[in-house]
Amino acid sequence: MRFLETLEFAGRIISAGGSFALKFRQSGWSNI
């Protein structure tokens, strides 16, 4: 895999994880 492809792939994973954590916070799971 090329370097730029790896960066793009990692960026997608990070953004997906960030939105997932944001949904978790908004649903009130952050106080667990």
C-alpha atoms as a PDB file:
ATOM      1  CA  MET A   1       0.000   0.000   0.000  1.00  0.00           C
ATOM      2  CA  ARG A   2       1.284   3.430  -0.868  1.00  0.00           C
ATOM      3  CA  PHE A   3       1.934   6.033   1.807  1.00  0.00           C
ATOM      4  CA  LEU A   4      -0.810   8.435   0.704  1.00  0.00           C
ATOM      5  CA  GLU A   5      -3.334   5.610   0.524  1.00  0.00           C
ATOM      6  CA  THR A   6      -2.380   4.589   4.037  1.00  0.00           C
ATOM      7  CA  LEU A   7      -2.811   8.162   5.264  1.00  0.00           C
ATOM      8  CA  GLU A   8      -6.225   8.447   3.631  1.00  0.00           C
ATOM      9  CA  PHE A   9      -7.295   5.109   5.105  1.00  0.00           C
ATOM     10  CA  ALA A  10      -6.131   6.131   8.581  1.00  0.00           C
ATOM     11  CA  GLY A  11      -7.918   9.468   8.220  1.00  0.00           C
ATOM     12  CA  ARG A  12     -11.191   7.715   7.412  1.00  0.00           C
ATOM     13  CA  ILE A  13     -10.842   5.436  10.440  1.00  0.00           C
ATOM     14  CA  ILE A  14     -10.047   8.384  12.728  1.00  0.00           C
ATOM     15  CA  SER A  15     -12.981  10.457  11.469  1.00  0.00           C
ATOM     16  CA  ALA A  16     -15.339   7.494  11.766  1.00  0.00           C
ATOM     17  CA  GLY A  17     -14.155   6.814  15.324  1.00  0.00           C
ATOM     18  CA  GLY A  18     -14.545  10.486  16.207  1.00  0.00           C
ATOM     19  CA  SER A  19     -18.142  10.653  14.985  1.00  0.00           C
ATOM     20  CA  PHE A  20     -18.889   7.401  16.818  1.00  0.00           C
ATOM     21  CA  ALA A  21     -17.523   8.835  20.078  1.00  0.00           C
ATOM     22  CA  LEU A  22     -19.519  12.015  19.486  1.00  0.00           C
ATOM     23  CA  LYS A  23     -22.743  10.008  19.112  1.00  0.00           C
ATOM     24  CA  PHE A  24     -21.858   8.139  22.306  1.00  0.00           C
ATOM     25  CA  ARG A  25     -21.389  11.406  24.196  1.00  0.00           C
ATOM     26  CA  GLN A  26     -24.638  12.852  22.878  1.00  0.00           C
ATOM     27  CA  SER A  27     -26.552   9.745  23.954  1.00  0.00           C
ATOM     28  CA  GLY A  28     -25.263  10.186  27.501  1.00  0.00           C
ATOM     29  CA  TRP A  29     -22.867   7.228  27.638  1.00  0.00           C
ATOM     30  CA  SER A  30     -19.967   9.452  28.709  1.00  0.00           C
ATOM     31  CA  ASN A  31     -20.885   9.227  32.402  1.00  0.00           C
ATOM     32  CA  ILE A  32     -20.160   5.478  32.548  1.00  0.00           C
END
